[in-house]
Amino acid sequence: MALRAMTHPDLPSVLRLEAALFGDEAWSEAMLASELDGAASGRHYLVAEDAGELVGYAGLLSPGGGQADVLTMAVAQERWGQRIGALLLDALVAEAAQRGCTDVFLEVRVDYERAQRLYRSRGFGEIGIRRGYYQPSGMDALVMRLSLPRARRFGFAGPRRRDPKSAAGGPR
């Protein structure tokens, strides 16, 4: 299994997965192409390949300001249970951390327990509901957030504590 950056030649395979997994709510080719062209605006898309076959993909938006959003994630149904989703999600979270983000958000269908279990297993917690988020079905979305540790600067976490025994400033 290998992860790599998604490219335009991947779009036919991604579109097949989109249609198979999301039906009427699948992203169009134009939407996906536009997302790939938006790398300069903080977008980051990956594909998972196994023996030359595209078996999953995921996307992240982190335009700055410390926040990232998982935009999409999918794994071929016949490959469910093989940890591909976890691999993709971990790679997106690592990318968000590398970009200095302190929070990662995502939306997931309220009726998609399998994905919710994955997100919870990686530390995401529920923070709200977006009513009617998914179209055309009108299904609600559960909003989840993962807080990332803040990056340490200059090799130490904060101010040093003074030893109370040396408060007078003399030798110990």
Protein backbone atom coordinates (compact mmCIF):
# COMPACT_ATOMS: atom_id res chain seq x y z
CA MET A 1 0.00 0.00 0.00
CA ALA A 2 1.37 3.40 -0.96
CA LEU A 3 0.06 6.93 -0.48
CA ARG A 4 0.90 9.66 -2.96
CA ALA A 5 -0.39 13.01 -4.13
CA MET A 6 -3.53 12.85 -6.27
CA THR A 7 -3.07 14.01 -9.86
CA HIS A 8 -5.42 14.76 -12.75
CA PRO A 9 -4.82 11.32 -14.36
CA ASP A 10 -6.30 9.79 -11.15
CA LEU A 11 -9.67 11.49 -11.70
CA PRO A 12 -11.36 8.68 -13.69
CA SER A 13 -10.62 6.17 -10.88
CA VAL A 14 -11.63 8.65 -8.19
CA LEU A 15 -14.87 9.41 -10.04
CA ARG A 16 -15.70 5.68 -10.21
CA LEU A 17 -15.23 5.40 -6.45
CA GLU A 18 -17.25 8.60 -5.89
CA ALA A 19 -20.19 7.24 -7.89
CA ALA A 20 -20.06 3.80 -6.25
CA LEU A 21 -19.85 5.14 -2.71
CA PHE A 22 -21.78 8.42 -2.75
CA GLY A 23 -24.35 8.05 -5.54
CA ASP A 24 -26.30 11.28 -6.08
CA GLU A 25 -24.05 13.10 -3.60
CA ALA A 26 -20.84 12.29 -5.51
CA TRP A 27 -18.57 15.15 -6.50
CA SER A 28 -18.40 15.92 -10.22
CA GLU A 29 -15.27 15.76 -12.35
CA ALA A 30 -15.25 19.57 -12.53
CA MET A 31 -15.40 19.84 -8.72
CA LEU A 32 -12.56 17.37 -8.24
CA ALA A 33 -10.41 18.98 -10.93
CA SER A 34 -10.98 22.37 -9.32
CA GLU A 35 -9.92 20.96 -5.94
CA LEU A 36 -6.69 19.59 -7.43
CA ASP A 37 -5.97 22.95 -9.01
CA GLY A 38 -6.37 24.60 -5.59
CA ALA A 39 -3.13 23.38 -4.02
CA ALA A 40 -1.93 26.96 -3.71
CA SER A 41 -4.98 27.75 -1.56
CA GLY A 42 -4.10 25.09 1.01
CA ARG A 43 -5.66 21.98 -0.51
CA HIS A 44 -3.91 18.62 -0.18
CA TYR A 45 -5.24 15.44 -1.84
CA LEU A 46 -3.88 11.91 -1.54
CA VAL A 47 -4.64 8.58 -3.15
CA ALA A 48 -3.99 5.11 -1.76
CA GLU A 49 -2.65 2.65 -4.32
CA ASP A 50 -2.18 -1.08 -4.02
CA ALA A 51 -0.49 -2.97 -6.85
CA GLY A 52 -1.17 -0.05 -9.20
CA GLU A 53 -4.89 0.08 -8.32
CA LEU A 54 -6.39 3.21 -6.74
CA VAL A 55 -8.25 1.94 -3.66
CA GLY A 56 -8.91 5.16 -1.74
CA TYR A 57 -8.44 8.90 -1.61
CA ALA A 58 -8.75 11.81 0.80
CA GLY A 59 -8.50 15.58 0.81
CA LEU A 60 -7.62 18.31 3.30
CA LEU A 61 -8.03 22.08 3.31
CA SER A 62 -5.70 24.14 5.49
CA PRO A 63 -5.64 27.72 4.21
CA GLY A 64 -3.86 29.07 7.29
CA GLY A 65 -5.00 30.32 10.64
CA GLY A 66 -4.45 27.09 12.53
CA GLN A 67 -7.48 25.19 11.27
CA ALA A 68 -7.77 22.32 8.78
CA ASP A 69 -10.80 20.55 7.34
CA VAL A 70 -11.00 17.00 6.02
CA LEU A 71 -12.93 17.62 2.80
CA THR A 72 -13.45 14.07 1.58
CA MET A 73 -12.33 10.55 2.24
CA ALA A 74 -13.29 7.27 0.58
CA VAL A 75 -12.11 3.68 0.34
CA ALA A 76 -13.31 1.10 -2.20
CA GLN A 77 -16.00 -0.97 -0.49
CA GLU A 78 -14.27 -4.27 -1.24
CA ARG A 79 -11.23 -2.92 0.67
CA TRP A 80 -13.09 -1.87 3.84
CA GLY A 81 -11.59 -3.24 7.03
CA GLN A 82 -8.02 -3.18 5.70
CA ARG A 83 -6.99 0.02 7.57
CA ILE A 84 -6.76 2.09 4.37
CA GLY A 85 -9.09 4.76 5.78
CA ALA A 86 -6.96 4.97 8.95
CA LEU A 87 -3.82 5.32 6.85
CA LEU A 88 -5.35 8.14 4.79
CA LEU A 89 -6.74 9.94 7.84
CA ASP A 90 -3.45 9.69 9.72
CA ALA A 91 -1.64 11.16 6.70
CA LEU A 92 -4.08 14.10 6.54
CA VAL A 93 -3.72 14.79 10.26
CA ALA A 94 0.07 14.63 9.96
CA GLU A 95 -0.09 17.11 7.06
CA ALA A 96 -2.29 19.44 9.12
CA ALA A 97 0.18 19.27 12.02
CA GLN A 98 3.11 19.94 9.68
CA ARG A 99 1.26 23.03 8.44
CA GLY A 100 0.95 24.29 12.01
CA CYS A 101 -2.75 23.56 12.46
CA THR A 102 -4.09 23.10 15.98
CA ASP A 103 -7.57 21.84 15.05
CA VAL A 104 -8.84 19.48 12.36
CA PHE A 105 -12.56 19.45 11.55
CA LEU A 106 -14.73 17.17 9.46
CA GLU A 107 -18.35 16.43 8.65
CA VAL A 108 -19.73 12.90 8.44
CA ARG A 109 -23.25 11.66 7.74
CA VAL A 110 -25.11 11.06 11.00
CA ASP A 111 -26.06 7.59 9.74
CA TYR A 112 -22.51 6.54 8.78
CA GLU A 113 -21.42 4.74 11.95
CA ARG A 114 -18.45 2.98 10.32
CA ALA A 115 -16.73 6.27 9.48
CA GLN A 116 -17.66 7.77 12.85
CA ARG A 117 -15.95 4.85 14.61
CA LEU A 118 -12.77 5.49 12.61
CA TYR A 119 -12.80 9.19 13.45
CA ARG A 120 -13.42 8.56 17.15
CA SER A 121 -10.60 5.97 17.20
CA ARG A 122 -8.26 8.73 16.00
CA GLY A 123 -9.36 11.18 18.70
CA PHE A 124 -12.07 13.19 16.91
CA GLY A 125 -14.95 14.27 19.13
CA GLU A 126 -18.45 15.41 18.27
CA ILE A 127 -19.08 19.15 18.43
CA GLY A 128 -22.35 19.70 16.59
CA ILE A 129 -24.82 18.90 13.82
CA ARG A 130 -25.25 20.59 10.43
CA ARG A 131 -28.90 20.12 9.50
CA GLY A 132 -29.57 19.14 5.87
CA TYR A 133 -25.87 19.34 5.00
CA TYR A 134 -25.75 16.55 2.41
CA GLN A 135 -27.59 17.25 -0.83
CA PRO A 136 -29.74 16.15 -2.51
CA SER A 137 -30.67 13.73 0.32
CA GLY A 138 -30.96 16.42 3.00
CA MET A 139 -29.13 14.14 5.47
CA ASP A 140 -27.65 15.83 8.54
CA ALA A 141 -23.91 15.90 9.16
CA LEU A 142 -22.17 15.29 12.45
CA VAL A 143 -19.36 17.83 12.92
CA MET A 144 -16.25 16.46 14.61
CA ARG A 145 -12.99 18.04 15.76
CA LEU A 146 -9.53 16.83 16.66
CA SER A 147 -7.31 19.18 18.66
CA LEU A 148 -3.64 18.81 17.85
CA PRO A 149 -0.84 19.58 20.28
CA ARG A 150 0.65 23.00 19.78
CA ALA A 151 4.08 23.00 18.20
CA ARG A 152 6.92 23.54 20.61
CA ARG A 153 9.23 26.40 19.76
CA PHE A 154 12.97 26.52 20.34
CA GLY A 155 13.05 23.08 21.97
CA PHE A 156 11.21 23.84 25.21
CA ALA A 157 7.55 23.98 26.16
CA GLY A 158 7.42 27.13 28.22
CA PRO A 159 8.99 29.19 30.98
CA ARG A 160 11.19 27.40 33.44
CA ARG A 161 9.99 27.02 36.99
CA ARG A 162 12.12 28.56 39.65
CA ASP A 163 13.29 26.34 42.45
CA PRO A 164 11.72 27.74 45.64
CA LYS A 165 14.90 26.88 47.58
CA SER A 166 16.90 29.18 45.33
CA ALA A 167 14.40 32.05 45.40
CA ALA A 168 16.88 34.20 47.27
CA GLY A 169 19.26 33.87 44.35
CA GLY A 170 22.13 32.36 46.37
CA PRO A 171 23.84 29.04 45.96
CA ARG A 172 21.95 25.89 46.92
